[in-house]
N, C-alpha and C. Protein backbone atom coordinates (compact mmCIF):
# COMPACT_ATOMS: atom_id res chain seq x y z
N MET A 1 0.49 -1.24 -0.23
CA MET A 1 -0.04 -0.20 0.29
C MET A 1 0.58 1.33 0.15
N LEU A 2 0.76 2.07 -1.08
CA LEU A 2 1.10 3.53 -0.68
C LEU A 2 1.28 4.48 0.06
N GLU A 3 2.31 4.92 0.76
CA GLU A 3 2.04 5.80 2.13
C GLU A 3 1.68 7.02 1.73
N ILE A 4 0.98 8.00 2.58
CA ILE A 4 0.88 9.03 2.31
C ILE A 4 1.52 10.21 2.35
N LYS A 5 2.86 9.70 2.71
CA LYS A 5 3.71 10.68 2.53
C LYS A 5 4.46 10.56 1.09
N ASN A 6 3.95 9.16 0.50
CA ASN A 6 4.41 9.44 -0.96
C ASN A 6 3.92 9.73 -1.98
N ARG A 7 2.94 9.90 -1.55
CA ARG A 7 1.33 10.57 -2.59
C ARG A 7 1.44 12.05 -2.47
N LYS A 8 1.69 12.39 -4.19
CA LYS A 8 2.12 14.08 -4.76
C LYS A 8 0.71 14.21 -5.32
N SER A 9 0.88 15.65 -5.57
CA SER A 9 -0.56 16.34 -6.06
C SER A 9 0.43 16.83 -7.57
N PHE A 10 -0.83 16.49 -8.82
CA PHE A 10 -0.14 17.19 -9.71
C PHE A 10 -1.23 16.98 -10.91
N LEU A 11 -1.10 17.23 -12.32
CA LEU A 11 -2.16 17.17 -13.21
C LEU A 11 -1.06 17.03 -14.41
N GLU A 12 -1.46 16.29 -15.00
CA GLU A 12 -1.00 15.96 -16.44
C GLU A 12 -1.83 15.72 -17.40
N LEU A 13 -1.22 16.20 -18.66
CA LEU A 13 -1.84 16.34 -20.05
C LEU A 13 -1.49 15.80 -21.13
N GLU A 14 -1.63 14.92 -21.56
CA GLU A 14 -0.82 13.78 -22.66
C GLU A 14 -2.11 13.58 -23.99
N ILE A 15 -1.03 13.81 -25.23
CA ILE A 15 -1.80 13.64 -26.52
C ILE A 15 -1.91 12.04 -26.68
N THR A 16 -2.46 11.52 -27.05
CA THR A 16 -2.49 10.50 -27.31
C THR A 16 -3.11 9.88 -28.40
N TRP A 17 -3.62 10.47 -29.20
CA TRP A 17 -4.03 10.40 -30.69
C TRP A 17 -3.98 11.86 -31.48
N LYS A 18 -4.28 12.04 -32.73
CA LYS A 18 -4.11 13.11 -33.41
C LYS A 18 -4.72 12.51 -34.76
N ASP A 19 -5.65 13.83 -35.52
CA ASP A 19 -5.91 13.80 -36.87
C ASP A 19 -5.51 14.98 -37.02
N ASN A 20 -5.85 15.25 -38.44
CA ASN A 20 -5.93 16.98 -38.97
C ASN A 20 -6.26 17.90 -37.84
N ASP A 21 -7.83 17.73 -37.80
CA ASP A 21 -8.75 18.78 -36.99
C ASP A 21 -8.24 18.85 -35.21
N MET A 22 -7.98 17.44 -34.60
CA MET A 22 -8.16 17.64 -33.34
C MET A 22 -6.72 16.83 -32.83
N PHE A 23 -7.27 16.47 -31.52
CA PHE A 23 -6.00 15.89 -31.11
C PHE A 23 -6.96 15.33 -29.85
N GLU A 24 -6.63 13.94 -29.37
CA GLU A 24 -7.31 13.45 -28.06
C GLU A 24 -6.05 13.67 -26.60
N LEU A 25 -6.76 13.88 -25.98
CA LEU A 25 -5.74 14.69 -24.48
C LEU A 25 -6.42 13.68 -23.47
N LYS A 26 -5.55 12.64 -22.94
CA LYS A 26 -5.77 11.88 -21.63
C LYS A 26 -5.19 12.85 -20.66
N ILE A 27 -6.22 13.33 -19.52
CA ILE A 27 -6.08 14.06 -18.29
C ILE A 27 -5.87 13.47 -17.14
N THR A 28 -4.91 13.50 -16.13
CA THR A 28 -4.57 12.70 -15.27
C THR A 28 -4.45 13.74 -13.88
N ALA A 29 -5.11 13.40 -12.29
CA ALA A 29 -5.23 14.67 -11.85
C ALA A 29 -4.82 13.60 -10.48
N SER A 30 -4.57 14.57 -9.70
CA SER A 30 -4.27 13.90 -8.06
C SER A 30 -4.02 14.60 -7.18
N ASN A 31 -4.82 14.83 -5.78
CA ASN A 31 -4.12 15.96 -5.05
C ASN A 31 -3.53 15.22 -4.19
N GLY A 32 -3.25 13.76 -3.97
CA GLY A 32 -2.56 13.34 -3.06
C GLY A 32 -3.86 12.27 -2.12
N TYR A 33 -5.00 12.90 -2.14
CA TYR A 33 -6.19 11.90 -1.85
C TYR A 33 -7.10 11.28 -2.62
N PHE A 34 -7.52 12.20 -3.70
CA PHE A 34 -7.90 11.87 -4.88
C PHE A 34 -7.69 12.16 -6.08
N TYR A 35 -7.85 10.78 -7.03
CA TYR A 35 -7.07 10.64 -8.46
C TYR A 35 -8.20 10.39 -9.56
N GLY A 36 -7.86 10.84 -10.29
CA GLY A 36 -8.83 10.32 -12.03
C GLY A 36 -8.54 10.98 -12.88
N CYS A 37 -8.86 10.19 -14.34
CA CYS A 37 -8.77 10.63 -15.23
C CYS A 37 -9.38 10.44 -16.41
N THR A 38 -9.49 10.87 -17.49
CA THR A 38 -10.32 11.13 -18.48
C THR A 38 -10.15 11.84 -20.05
N GLU A 39 -10.63 11.90 -21.13
CA GLU A 39 -9.64 11.82 -22.46
C GLU A 39 -10.73 12.87 -22.94
N VAL A 40 -10.37 13.79 -23.46
CA VAL A 40 -11.09 15.12 -24.04
C VAL A 40 -10.41 15.08 -25.34
N TYR A 41 -11.32 15.91 -26.10
CA TYR A 41 -10.64 16.05 -27.46
C TYR A 41 -10.06 17.29 -27.71
N ASP A 42 -9.39 18.44 -27.95
CA ASP A 42 -9.15 19.63 -28.27
C ASP A 42 -8.22 19.90 -29.64
N THR A 43 -7.87 21.05 -29.96
CA THR A 43 -7.28 21.57 -30.88
C THR A 43 -5.78 22.21 -30.61
N SER A 44 -5.06 22.61 -31.25
CA SER A 44 -3.86 23.22 -31.42
C SER A 44 -4.03 24.71 -31.00
N LYS A 45 -4.88 25.03 -31.61
CA LYS A 45 -4.97 26.92 -31.37
C LYS A 45 -5.52 26.99 -29.94
N SER A 46 -6.53 26.12 -29.60
CA SER A 46 -6.92 26.59 -28.09
C SER A 46 -6.15 26.09 -27.41
N LEU A 47 -5.46 25.01 -27.24
CA LEU A 47 -4.24 24.84 -25.96
C LEU A 47 -3.48 26.20 -26.07
N SER A 48 -2.83 26.24 -27.50
CA SER A 48 -1.33 27.43 -27.38
C SER A 48 -2.40 28.39 -26.86
N ASP A 49 -3.50 29.17 -27.31
CA ASP A 49 -4.43 30.22 -26.41
C ASP A 49 -4.38 30.26 -25.07
N PHE A 50 -4.97 29.12 -24.57
CA PHE A 50 -4.88 29.17 -23.24
C PHE A 50 -2.84 29.37 -22.76
N SER A 51 -2.28 28.48 -23.17
CA SER A 51 -0.67 28.39 -22.75
C SER A 51 -0.03 29.85 -22.35
N THR A 52 -0.71 30.99 -23.50
CA THR A 52 -0.26 32.14 -23.57
C THR A 52 -0.47 32.97 -22.36
N THR A 53 -1.52 32.85 -21.88
CA THR A 53 -2.21 33.70 -20.68
C THR A 53 -1.65 33.19 -19.26
N LEU A 54 -1.22 31.57 -19.61
CA LEU A 54 -0.30 31.43 -18.33
C LEU A 54 1.04 32.03 -18.16
N ILE A 55 1.46 32.78 -19.36
CA ILE A 55 2.92 33.43 -19.02
C ILE A 55 2.72 34.61 -18.02
N ASP A 56 3.76 34.64 -16.97
CA ASP A 56 3.78 36.00 -16.30
C ASP A 56 2.57 35.55 -15.01
N TYR A 57 1.98 34.83 -14.93
CA TYR A 57 0.71 34.44 -14.35
C TYR A 57 1.27 34.02 -13.03
N PRO A 58 1.14 34.67 -11.69
CA PRO A 58 -0.38 35.91 -11.29
C PRO A 58 -0.03 37.31 -11.42
N SER A 59 0.72 37.62 -12.20
CA SER A 59 0.77 39.04 -12.46
C SER A 59 -0.10 39.78 -11.79
N ALA A 60 -1.47 39.76 -12.46
CA ALA A 60 -2.32 40.29 -12.04
C ALA A 60 -3.77 40.01 -11.23
N ASN A 61 -2.97 39.27 -10.35
CA ASN A 61 -4.42 38.51 -9.15
C ASN A 61 -5.25 37.91 -9.94
N LYS A 62 -5.29 37.49 -11.29
CA LYS A 62 -6.52 37.16 -11.85
C LYS A 62 -6.88 35.45 -11.96
N ILE A 63 -7.95 35.43 -12.06
CA ILE A 63 -8.89 33.79 -12.37
C ILE A 63 -8.57 33.64 -13.52
N LEU A 64 -7.65 32.46 -13.95
CA LEU A 64 -7.86 32.11 -15.62
C LEU A 64 -8.73 30.46 -15.43
N VAL A 65 -9.16 29.86 -16.49
CA VAL A 65 -10.10 29.27 -16.40
C VAL A 65 -9.96 28.72 -17.78
N TYR A 66 -9.84 27.12 -18.02
CA TYR A 66 -9.58 26.42 -18.99
C TYR A 66 -10.92 25.23 -19.69
N GLU A 67 -11.55 25.38 -20.25
CA GLU A 67 -12.53 24.08 -20.40
C GLU A 67 -12.28 23.63 -21.91
N ILE A 68 -12.52 22.02 -21.58
CA ILE A 68 -12.61 21.04 -22.66
C ILE A 68 -13.68 20.45 -22.55
N GLY A 69 -14.73 20.38 -23.62
CA GLY A 69 -15.82 19.30 -23.69
C GLY A 69 -16.83 20.09 -23.23
N LYS A 70 -17.69 19.25 -22.58
CA LYS A 70 -19.15 19.80 -22.03
C LYS A 70 -19.64 18.87 -20.84
N LYS A 71 -20.17 19.74 -19.66
CA LYS A 71 -20.13 19.22 -18.64
C LYS A 71 -21.35 18.12 -18.83
N ASP A 72 -21.64 17.37 -17.94
CA ASP A 72 -22.54 16.66 -18.23
C ASP A 72 -22.95 15.78 -19.45
N CYS A 73 -22.05 16.21 -20.33
CA CYS A 73 -22.29 14.92 -21.85
C CYS A 73 -21.16 14.29 -22.04
N PHE A 74 -20.46 13.94 -23.33
CA PHE A 74 -19.74 12.73 -23.26
C PHE A 74 -18.36 13.25 -22.33
N SER A 75 -17.75 14.06 -22.37
CA SER A 75 -16.55 13.90 -21.45
C SER A 75 -16.02 15.57 -21.11
N TYR A 76 -15.50 15.76 -20.30
CA TYR A 76 -14.92 17.15 -19.63
C TYR A 76 -13.99 17.24 -19.25
N PHE A 77 -13.26 18.74 -18.90
CA PHE A 77 -12.31 18.73 -18.41
C PHE A 77 -12.15 20.44 -18.26
N SER A 78 -11.76 20.81 -17.08
CA SER A 78 -11.79 22.01 -16.67
C SER A 78 -10.35 22.53 -15.82
N MET A 79 -9.77 23.44 -15.78
CA MET A 79 -8.62 23.98 -14.54
C MET A 79 -8.87 24.99 -14.53
N LYS A 80 -9.00 25.88 -13.17
CA LYS A 80 -9.24 27.11 -12.97
C LYS A 80 -7.69 27.65 -11.87
N PHE A 81 -7.38 28.36 -12.34
CA PHE A 81 -6.03 28.91 -11.65
C PHE A 81 -6.47 30.18 -10.67
N TYR A 82 -5.89 30.48 -9.53
CA TYR A 82 -6.47 31.69 -8.81
C TYR A 82 -5.48 31.52 -7.92
N PRO A 83 -4.75 32.66 -7.21
CA PRO A 83 -3.94 33.13 -6.12
C PRO A 83 -4.83 32.72 -4.80
N ILE A 84 -4.12 32.18 -3.70
CA ILE A 84 -4.63 32.11 -2.47
C ILE A 84 -4.05 32.76 -1.49
N ASN A 85 -2.90 33.38 -1.52
CA ASN A 85 -2.24 33.66 -0.48
C ASN A 85 -1.49 35.20 -0.76
N ASN A 86 -0.75 35.64 -0.01
CA ASN A 86 -0.11 36.36 -0.13
C ASN A 86 1.52 35.63 -0.02
N TYR A 87 1.68 34.32 -0.26
CA TYR A 87 3.14 33.98 -0.53
C TYR A 87 3.32 33.56 -1.75
N GLY A 88 2.27 33.63 -3.11
CA GLY A 88 2.58 33.21 -3.94
C GLY A 88 1.72 32.02 -4.39
N HIS A 89 1.28 31.06 -3.22
CA HIS A 89 0.46 30.05 -3.55
C HIS A 89 -0.27 30.39 -4.68
N ILE A 90 -0.83 29.39 -5.76
CA ILE A 90 -1.97 29.47 -6.47
C ILE A 90 -2.74 28.26 -6.43
N GLY A 91 -3.58 28.27 -5.95
CA GLY A 91 -5.09 27.21 -6.19
C GLY A 91 -4.78 27.10 -7.58
N VAL A 92 -5.00 25.51 -8.15
CA VAL A 92 -5.74 24.44 -9.12
C VAL A 92 -7.00 23.97 -9.28
N GLU A 93 -7.90 24.41 -9.40
CA GLU A 93 -9.52 23.31 -9.02
C GLU A 93 -8.90 22.94 -10.61
N ILE A 94 -9.48 21.49 -10.16
CA ILE A 94 -9.39 20.93 -11.07
C ILE A 94 -10.94 19.95 -11.29
N SER A 95 -11.39 20.01 -12.73
CA SER A 95 -12.88 18.91 -12.76
C SER A 95 -12.37 18.31 -14.06
N ILE A 96 -12.98 16.95 -13.87
CA ILE A 96 -12.90 16.15 -15.02
C ILE A 96 -14.14 15.55 -14.81
N GLU A 97 -15.21 15.31 -15.83
CA GLU A 97 -16.04 13.62 -16.16
C GLU A 97 -15.70 12.58 -17.05
N LYS A 98 -15.71 11.73 -16.65
CA LYS A 98 -15.46 10.43 -17.90
C LYS A 98 -15.94 10.29 -18.96
N ASN A 99 -15.62 10.21 -20.04
CA ASN A 99 -16.03 9.66 -21.35
C ASN A 99 -17.04 8.42 -21.25
N VAL A 100 -18.73 8.87 -21.42
CA VAL A 100 -19.24 7.63 -21.06
C VAL A 100 -19.79 7.73 -22.48
N SER A 101 -20.81 6.96 -23.48
CA SER A 101 -21.63 6.93 -24.57
C SER A 101 -22.93 8.19 -24.30
N THR A 102 -23.22 8.22 -25.69
CA THR A 102 -24.23 9.17 -25.12
C THR A 102 -26.02 8.98 -24.62
N GLU A 103 -26.04 8.18 -24.44
CA GLU A 103 -26.98 7.35 -23.88
C GLU A 103 -26.27 6.45 -22.27
N TYR A 104 -26.42 7.27 -21.56
CA TYR A 104 -26.22 6.85 -20.25
C TYR A 104 -27.10 7.17 -19.39
N ARG A 105 -26.93 6.50 -17.72
CA ARG A 105 -27.63 7.04 -16.97
C ARG A 105 -26.87 8.04 -15.89
N GLU A 106 -27.47 9.09 -15.32
CA GLU A 106 -26.65 9.99 -14.66
C GLU A 106 -25.55 9.61 -13.65
N GLU A 107 -26.13 8.21 -13.01
CA GLU A 107 -25.62 7.98 -12.11
C GLU A 107 -23.90 7.21 -12.55
N GLU A 108 -24.17 6.90 -13.53
CA GLU A 108 -23.10 6.06 -14.44
C GLU A 108 -21.98 7.16 -14.89
N LYS A 109 -22.09 8.61 -14.58
CA LYS A 109 -21.12 9.45 -15.14
C LYS A 109 -20.52 9.69 -14.03
N ASP A 110 -18.94 9.50 -14.31
CA ASP A 110 -18.39 9.48 -13.10
C ASP A 110 -17.51 10.83 -13.04
N LYS A 111 -17.40 11.36 -12.06
CA LYS A 111 -17.02 13.10 -11.95
C LYS A 111 -16.09 13.57 -10.60
N LEU A 112 -15.27 13.88 -10.91
CA LEU A 112 -14.02 14.34 -10.10
C LEU A 112 -13.94 15.73 -10.15
N LYS A 113 -13.99 16.59 -8.71
CA LYS A 113 -13.23 17.70 -8.65
C LYS A 113 -12.13 18.11 -7.22
N LEU A 114 -10.86 18.28 -7.31
CA LEU A 114 -10.04 18.55 -6.76
C LEU A 114 -9.30 19.91 -6.75
N GLU A 115 -8.68 20.20 -5.83
CA GLU A 115 -7.64 21.34 -5.95
C GLU A 115 -6.15 20.91 -5.51
N ILE A 116 -5.10 21.78 -6.56
CA ILE A 116 -3.95 21.26 -6.24
C ILE A 116 -3.13 22.57 -5.65
N ILE A 117 -2.34 22.91 -5.05
CA ILE A 117 -2.17 24.07 -4.77
C ILE A 117 -0.23 24.01 -5.46
N ILE A 118 -0.03 24.84 -6.17
CA ILE A 118 1.12 25.34 -6.79
C ILE A 118 1.98 26.50 -6.44
N GLU A 119 3.58 26.44 -7.00
CA GLU A 119 3.97 27.69 -6.73
C GLU A 119 4.09 28.39 -8.32
N PRO A 120 4.41 29.60 -8.21
CA PRO A 120 4.72 30.19 -9.85
C PRO A 120 5.45 29.79 -10.66
N SER A 121 6.74 29.14 -10.21
CA SER A 121 7.53 28.36 -10.82
C SER A 121 7.40 26.86 -11.27
N ALA A 122 6.32 26.73 -11.07
CA ALA A 122 5.68 25.33 -11.20
C ALA A 122 4.79 25.59 -12.77
N ILE A 123 4.04 26.91 -12.72
CA ILE A 123 3.27 27.30 -14.01
C ILE A 123 4.22 28.01 -14.92
N ASP A 124 5.54 28.05 -14.78
CA ASP A 124 6.51 28.35 -15.76
C ASP A 124 7.03 26.93 -16.91
N ARG A 125 6.82 26.20 -16.22
CA ARG A 125 7.54 25.07 -16.81
C ARG A 125 6.12 24.45 -17.69
N PHE A 126 5.25 24.12 -16.71
CA PHE A 126 4.02 23.86 -17.21
C PHE A 126 3.50 24.84 -18.64
N GLN A 127 3.46 25.68 -18.38
CA GLN A 127 3.08 27.01 -19.62
C GLN A 127 3.94 26.52 -20.63
N LYS A 128 5.26 26.27 -20.52
CA LYS A 128 6.18 26.05 -22.00
C LYS A 128 6.01 24.37 -22.57
N GLU A 129 5.53 23.43 -21.88
CA GLU A 129 5.43 22.55 -22.53
C GLU A 129 3.96 22.20 -22.77
N LEU A 130 3.29 23.18 -22.32
CA LEU A 130 1.68 23.17 -23.17
C LEU A 130 1.64 23.86 -24.77
N PHE A 131 2.94 25.09 -24.57
CA PHE A 131 2.93 25.62 -25.67
C PHE A 131 3.46 24.48 -26.68
N ASN A 132 4.54 23.63 -26.29
CA ASN A 132 5.37 22.72 -27.19
C ASN A 132 4.28 21.68 -27.74
N MET A 133 3.55 21.35 -26.76
CA MET A 133 2.52 20.35 -27.00
C MET A 133 1.42 20.97 -28.37
N ALA A 134 1.03 22.01 -28.26
CA ALA A 134 -0.03 22.55 -29.39
C ALA A 134 0.68 22.89 -30.58
N LYS A 135 1.73 23.61 -30.35
CA LYS A 135 2.97 23.45 -31.39
C LYS A 135 2.98 22.16 -32.35
N ASN A 136 3.57 21.10 -31.51
CA ASN A 136 4.25 19.97 -31.86
C ASN A 136 2.58 19.11 -32.25
N GLU A 137 1.65 18.85 -31.28
CA GLU A 137 0.68 17.99 -31.19
C GLU A 137 1.28 16.75 -30.74
N THR A 138 2.23 16.51 -30.01
CA THR A 138 2.73 15.39 -29.45
C THR A 138 3.49 15.65 -28.32
N GLY A 139 3.29 14.73 -26.93
CA GLY A 139 3.67 14.92 -25.72
C GLY A 139 2.94 15.17 -24.90
N LYS A 140 3.59 15.52 -23.29
CA LYS A 140 2.65 15.30 -22.34
C LYS A 140 3.35 17.14 -21.49
N SER A 141 2.20 16.97 -20.95
CA SER A 141 2.48 18.45 -19.80
C SER A 141 2.24 18.17 -18.32
N ILE A 142 3.20 18.47 -17.62
CA ILE A 142 2.76 18.01 -16.32
C ILE A 142 3.13 19.31 -15.08
N LEU A 143 1.72 19.64 -14.37
CA LEU A 143 1.64 20.61 -13.60
C LEU A 143 1.95 20.08 -12.17
N TYR A 144 2.95 20.19 -11.50
CA TYR A 144 3.71 19.54 -9.87
C TYR A 144 2.70 20.20 -8.68
N GLY A 145 2.37 19.68 -7.98
CA GLY A 145 1.84 20.83 -6.85
C GLY A 145 3.01 21.14 -5.83
N ARG A 146 2.75 21.64 -4.95
CA ARG A 146 4.03 22.03 -4.20
C ARG A 146 4.40 20.89 -3.45
N ASP A 147 3.43 19.95 -3.11
CA ASP A 147 3.85 19.07 -2.14
C ASP A 147 5.39 17.80 -2.85
N ASN A 148 5.34 18.38 -4.18
CA ASN A 148 6.39 17.84 -5.06
C ASN A 148 7.80 18.10 -4.62
N ARG A 149 7.94 19.49 -3.84
CA ARG A 149 9.40 19.88 -3.50
C ARG A 149 9.84 19.50 -2.55
N LEU A 150 11.40 19.20 -3.00
CA LEU A 150 12.05 18.27 -2.02
C LEU A 150 12.07 18.77 -0.75
N ASP A 151 12.06 20.10 -0.51
CA ASP A 151 12.50 20.56 0.86
C ASP A 151 11.05 20.92 1.55
N ILE A 152 10.26 20.13 1.44
CA ILE A 152 8.91 20.20 2.36
C ILE A 152 9.12 18.92 2.94
């Protein structure tokens, strides 16, 4: 059994399939207590545009939201970035819904919402990885929570 001290928070986006118009992203998220994954479809332009909004975040103390898919439909993913204190820590609220066929029962739809706490330096790396994923339409991008620091 995995000990609590070894569990870390993260958000991972990975391109698993593509064609001329779009690609499929596998989304995996954990805050150390809850874990989930789903697959959603996205475009290079959408992902690239969002990655640009992350440059120098959180310089203006604003809230940034990125959504793919549609809630209570086939599949859904969102990440919401927001400042949480004066120490530079940032909250990321992650919502995912499992992809299911169009004919499903409401109880059959798996949903997860969790929060990870990150530091601004983690956003810089994540932003560059997202931009490269969008440009090359391949690869993965990982946003590590602050509990992944070696000095904690």
